[in-house]
Amino acid sequence: MAPSISLKTATGEKAEIHGKLVAALKFGSRKFQHRIYVADITDPCILGLDFLQKFNFTVDLEKNEKRTRGEEIPLFPASAEHSKLFSALEK
């Protein structure tokens, strides 16, 4: 039996998860495939510790960037073009 997944908002409320899918995510010049959960949230996406650890990201809050393999990537994209974070590969 698969474990039950629940999402809790910053205010402590539960958010319904509508499904999961494998998505292609691109950060800087690198592409990643990762299982994501679909929910009604205000942000385009939230990166979890599972993703950051799996792909060896370092987060620098002072510089507002994440790093992987020496590449520095802004935590908050400045333009709409850079805010397109992922596309679905399969359901």
N, C-alpha and C. Protein backbone atom coordinates (compact mmCIF):
# COMPACT_ATOMS: atom_id res chain seq x y z
N MET A 1 0.84 -1.18 0.00
CA MET A 1 0.00 0.00 0.00
C MET A 1 0.89 1.25 0.00
N ALA A 2 0.60 2.21 -0.87
CA ALA A 2 1.39 3.44 -0.96
C ALA A 2 1.11 4.32 0.24
N PRO A 3 2.15 5.01 0.74
CA PRO A 3 1.94 5.90 1.88
C PRO A 3 1.05 7.07 1.49
N SER A 4 0.25 7.54 2.45
CA SER A 4 -0.63 8.69 2.22
C SER A 4 0.21 9.96 2.25
N ILE A 5 0.00 10.83 1.28
CA ILE A 5 0.73 12.08 1.20
C ILE A 5 -0.23 13.21 1.56
N SER A 6 0.18 14.09 2.46
CA SER A 6 -0.63 15.25 2.78
C SER A 6 0.23 16.49 2.68
N LEU A 7 -0.41 17.60 2.34
CA LEU A 7 0.29 18.87 2.18
C LEU A 7 -0.29 19.84 3.18
N LYS A 8 0.58 20.47 3.95
CA LYS A 8 0.14 21.46 4.92
C LYS A 8 0.68 22.81 4.49
N THR A 9 -0.19 23.82 4.48
CA THR A 9 0.21 25.17 4.07
C THR A 9 1.00 25.85 5.18
N ALA A 10 1.53 27.02 4.87
CA ALA A 10 2.29 27.79 5.86
C ALA A 10 1.42 28.19 7.04
N THR A 11 0.11 28.30 6.83
CA THR A 11 -0.81 28.67 7.92
C THR A 11 -1.29 27.45 8.70
N GLY A 12 -0.84 26.27 8.30
CA GLY A 12 -1.22 25.06 9.01
C GLY A 12 -2.43 24.34 8.45
N GLU A 13 -3.06 24.92 7.43
CA GLU A 13 -4.22 24.28 6.82
C GLU A 13 -3.78 23.15 5.90
N LYS A 14 -4.66 22.18 5.72
CA LYS A 14 -4.38 21.09 4.78
C LYS A 14 -4.77 21.53 3.38
N ALA A 15 -3.95 21.16 2.40
CA ALA A 15 -4.25 21.42 0.99
C ALA A 15 -4.44 20.07 0.30
N GLU A 16 -5.47 19.99 -0.52
CA GLU A 16 -5.75 18.74 -1.22
C GLU A 16 -4.74 18.51 -2.33
N ILE A 17 -4.24 17.29 -2.43
CA ILE A 17 -3.35 16.90 -3.52
C ILE A 17 -4.21 16.27 -4.61
N HIS A 18 -4.12 16.82 -5.82
CA HIS A 18 -4.96 16.38 -6.92
C HIS A 18 -4.35 15.21 -7.70
N GLY A 19 -3.07 15.00 -7.55
CA GLY A 19 -2.42 13.90 -8.27
C GLY A 19 -0.92 14.05 -8.24
N LYS A 20 -0.26 13.14 -8.94
CA LYS A 20 1.20 13.21 -9.03
C LYS A 20 1.60 12.85 -10.45
N LEU A 21 2.76 13.32 -10.85
CA LEU A 21 3.27 13.02 -12.18
C LEU A 21 4.78 13.17 -12.18
N VAL A 22 5.39 12.59 -13.19
CA VAL A 22 6.83 12.77 -13.39
C VAL A 22 6.98 13.97 -14.30
N ALA A 23 7.80 14.93 -13.89
CA ALA A 23 7.96 16.16 -14.66
C ALA A 23 9.42 16.38 -15.01
N ALA A 24 9.63 17.09 -16.11
CA ALA A 24 10.96 17.53 -16.50
C ALA A 24 11.12 18.95 -15.98
N LEU A 25 12.10 19.16 -15.12
CA LEU A 25 12.36 20.48 -14.57
C LEU A 25 13.70 20.96 -15.08
N LYS A 26 13.78 22.23 -15.45
CA LYS A 26 15.03 22.78 -15.94
C LYS A 26 15.43 23.95 -15.05
N PHE A 27 16.63 23.87 -14.53
CA PHE A 27 17.21 24.94 -13.72
C PHE A 27 18.55 25.27 -14.33
N GLY A 28 18.73 26.52 -14.75
CA GLY A 28 19.97 26.89 -15.42
C GLY A 28 20.11 26.05 -16.68
N SER A 29 21.24 25.40 -16.84
CA SER A 29 21.48 24.59 -18.03
C SER A 29 21.17 23.11 -17.81
N ARG A 30 20.76 22.74 -16.58
CA ARG A 30 20.52 21.33 -16.27
C ARG A 30 19.05 20.97 -16.28
N LYS A 31 18.76 19.73 -16.69
CA LYS A 31 17.40 19.20 -16.68
C LYS A 31 17.33 18.04 -15.71
N PHE A 32 16.20 17.91 -15.05
CA PHE A 32 15.99 16.87 -14.05
C PHE A 32 14.62 16.24 -14.28
N GLN A 33 14.48 14.96 -13.96
CA GLN A 33 13.17 14.30 -13.93
C GLN A 33 12.88 13.97 -12.48
N HIS A 34 11.68 14.35 -12.04
CA HIS A 34 11.34 14.15 -10.64
C HIS A 34 9.82 14.01 -10.50
N ARG A 35 9.39 13.18 -9.55
CA ARG A 35 7.97 13.04 -9.27
C ARG A 35 7.50 14.28 -8.50
N ILE A 36 6.42 14.87 -8.99
CA ILE A 36 5.86 16.04 -8.31
C ILE A 36 4.41 15.77 -7.96
N TYR A 37 3.92 16.50 -6.97
CA TYR A 37 2.53 16.40 -6.53
C TYR A 37 1.81 17.67 -6.96
N VAL A 38 0.59 17.52 -7.46
CA VAL A 38 -0.18 18.65 -7.97
C VAL A 38 -1.20 19.08 -6.92
N ALA A 39 -1.16 20.38 -6.57
CA ALA A 39 -2.08 20.93 -5.58
C ALA A 39 -2.36 22.39 -5.93
N ASP A 40 -3.45 22.91 -5.39
CA ASP A 40 -3.76 24.33 -5.58
C ASP A 40 -2.94 25.14 -4.59
N ILE A 41 -1.87 25.75 -5.08
CA ILE A 41 -1.03 26.62 -4.26
C ILE A 41 -0.81 27.92 -5.02
N THR A 42 -0.37 28.96 -4.31
CA THR A 42 -0.20 30.26 -4.96
C THR A 42 1.09 30.37 -5.75
N ASP A 43 2.10 29.60 -5.40
CA ASP A 43 3.38 29.64 -6.11
C ASP A 43 3.36 28.67 -7.29
N PRO A 44 4.20 28.95 -8.33
CA PRO A 44 4.26 28.01 -9.47
C PRO A 44 4.69 26.61 -9.03
N CYS A 45 5.62 26.55 -8.08
CA CYS A 45 6.04 25.26 -7.54
C CYS A 45 6.81 25.49 -6.25
N ILE A 46 6.93 24.45 -5.47
CA ILE A 46 7.73 24.47 -4.25
C ILE A 46 8.71 23.31 -4.35
N LEU A 47 9.99 23.61 -4.23
CA LEU A 47 11.00 22.56 -4.25
C LEU A 47 11.15 21.98 -2.86
N GLY A 48 11.03 20.67 -2.76
CA GLY A 48 11.17 20.01 -1.47
C GLY A 48 12.61 19.59 -1.20
N LEU A 49 12.86 19.26 0.05
CA LEU A 49 14.20 18.78 0.42
C LEU A 49 14.56 17.51 -0.32
N ASP A 50 13.55 16.68 -0.64
CA ASP A 50 13.84 15.45 -1.38
C ASP A 50 14.50 15.77 -2.72
N PHE A 51 13.99 16.77 -3.43
CA PHE A 51 14.57 17.18 -4.72
C PHE A 51 15.95 17.79 -4.52
N LEU A 52 16.09 18.71 -3.57
CA LEU A 52 17.36 19.39 -3.35
C LEU A 52 18.46 18.40 -2.96
N GLN A 53 18.13 17.43 -2.11
CA GLN A 53 19.12 16.44 -1.70
C GLN A 53 19.44 15.45 -2.82
N LYS A 54 18.42 14.99 -3.51
CA LYS A 54 18.62 14.01 -4.58
C LYS A 54 19.57 14.52 -5.66
N PHE A 55 19.47 15.82 -5.99
CA PHE A 55 20.27 16.39 -7.06
C PHE A 55 21.40 17.29 -6.55
N ASN A 56 21.73 17.16 -5.27
CA ASN A 56 22.88 17.84 -4.65
C ASN A 56 22.87 19.36 -4.83
N PHE A 57 21.72 19.97 -4.57
CA PHE A 57 21.64 21.43 -4.60
C PHE A 57 22.10 22.01 -3.28
N THR A 58 22.69 23.18 -3.33
CA THR A 58 23.03 23.97 -2.16
C THR A 58 22.21 25.25 -2.25
N VAL A 59 21.57 25.65 -1.15
CA VAL A 59 20.77 26.87 -1.13
C VAL A 59 21.52 27.92 -0.33
N ASP A 60 21.73 29.09 -0.94
CA ASP A 60 22.39 30.22 -0.28
C ASP A 60 21.36 31.33 -0.12
N LEU A 61 20.80 31.45 1.09
CA LEU A 61 19.76 32.44 1.34
C LEU A 61 20.31 33.86 1.35
N GLU A 62 21.57 34.03 1.70
CA GLU A 62 22.18 35.36 1.70
C GLU A 62 22.26 35.92 0.28
N LYS A 63 22.60 35.05 -0.67
CA LYS A 63 22.72 35.48 -2.08
C LYS A 63 21.45 35.21 -2.88
N ASN A 64 20.42 34.63 -2.23
CA ASN A 64 19.17 34.27 -2.91
C ASN A 64 19.41 33.43 -4.16
N GLU A 65 20.19 32.37 -3.99
CA GLU A 65 20.46 31.49 -5.13
C GLU A 65 20.57 30.05 -4.68
N LYS A 66 20.39 29.16 -5.64
CA LYS A 66 20.64 27.74 -5.42
C LYS A 66 21.77 27.36 -6.36
N ARG A 67 22.59 26.40 -5.95
CA ARG A 67 23.75 26.01 -6.76
C ARG A 67 23.74 24.50 -6.96
N THR A 68 24.16 24.12 -8.16
CA THR A 68 24.36 22.72 -8.46
C THR A 68 25.50 22.62 -9.47
N ARG A 69 26.46 21.78 -9.15
CA ARG A 69 27.65 21.59 -10.01
C ARG A 69 28.29 22.92 -10.40
N GLY A 70 28.38 23.85 -9.45
CA GLY A 70 29.05 25.12 -9.69
C GLY A 70 28.21 26.17 -10.39
N GLU A 71 27.01 25.81 -10.82
CA GLU A 71 26.15 26.78 -11.52
C GLU A 71 25.27 27.49 -10.49
N GLU A 72 25.27 28.82 -10.55
CA GLU A 72 24.46 29.63 -9.64
C GLU A 72 23.15 30.00 -10.32
N ILE A 73 22.03 29.70 -9.66
CA ILE A 73 20.71 29.90 -10.23
C ILE A 73 19.88 30.70 -9.23
N PRO A 74 19.25 31.81 -9.67
CA PRO A 74 18.44 32.61 -8.74
C PRO A 74 17.31 31.79 -8.11
N LEU A 75 17.06 32.03 -6.81
CA LEU A 75 15.94 31.36 -6.15
C LEU A 75 14.61 31.86 -6.71
N PHE A 76 14.56 33.15 -7.02
CA PHE A 76 13.33 33.78 -7.51
C PHE A 76 13.61 34.38 -8.87
N PRO A 77 13.13 33.75 -9.95
CA PRO A 77 13.39 34.25 -11.30
C PRO A 77 12.89 35.67 -11.48
N ALA A 78 13.68 36.50 -12.19
CA ALA A 78 13.34 37.90 -12.39
C ALA A 78 12.36 38.11 -13.53
N SER A 79 12.33 37.20 -14.50
CA SER A 79 11.47 37.40 -15.66
C SER A 79 10.49 36.25 -15.82
N ALA A 80 9.41 36.52 -16.55
CA ALA A 80 8.40 35.48 -16.80
C ALA A 80 8.99 34.33 -17.59
N GLU A 81 9.93 34.62 -18.49
CA GLU A 81 10.57 33.57 -19.29
C GLU A 81 11.28 32.56 -18.41
N HIS A 82 11.96 33.04 -17.37
CA HIS A 82 12.70 32.14 -16.49
C HIS A 82 11.81 31.46 -15.46
N SER A 83 10.56 31.92 -15.33
CA SER A 83 9.69 31.32 -14.32
C SER A 83 9.00 30.05 -14.82
N LYS A 84 9.20 29.67 -16.09
CA LYS A 84 8.64 28.42 -16.61
C LYS A 84 9.54 27.28 -16.13
N LEU A 85 9.17 26.69 -15.02
CA LEU A 85 10.07 25.75 -14.35
C LEU A 85 9.99 24.32 -14.85
N PHE A 86 8.82 23.85 -15.23
CA PHE A 86 8.75 22.44 -15.59
C PHE A 86 7.67 22.19 -16.63
N SER A 87 7.78 21.03 -17.26
CA SER A 87 6.75 20.55 -18.18
C SER A 87 6.52 19.08 -17.89
N ALA A 88 5.30 18.62 -18.06
CA ALA A 88 4.95 17.24 -17.72
C ALA A 88 5.49 16.27 -18.75
N LEU A 89 6.03 15.16 -18.28
CA LEU A 89 6.49 14.09 -19.17
C LEU A 89 5.46 12.98 -19.27
N GLU A 90 4.86 12.62 -18.14
CA GLU A 90 3.88 11.52 -18.12
C GLU A 90 2.96 11.70 -16.95
N LYS A 91 1.82 11.04 -17.00
CA LYS A 91 0.86 11.10 -15.89
C LYS A 91 0.98 9.88 -15.02
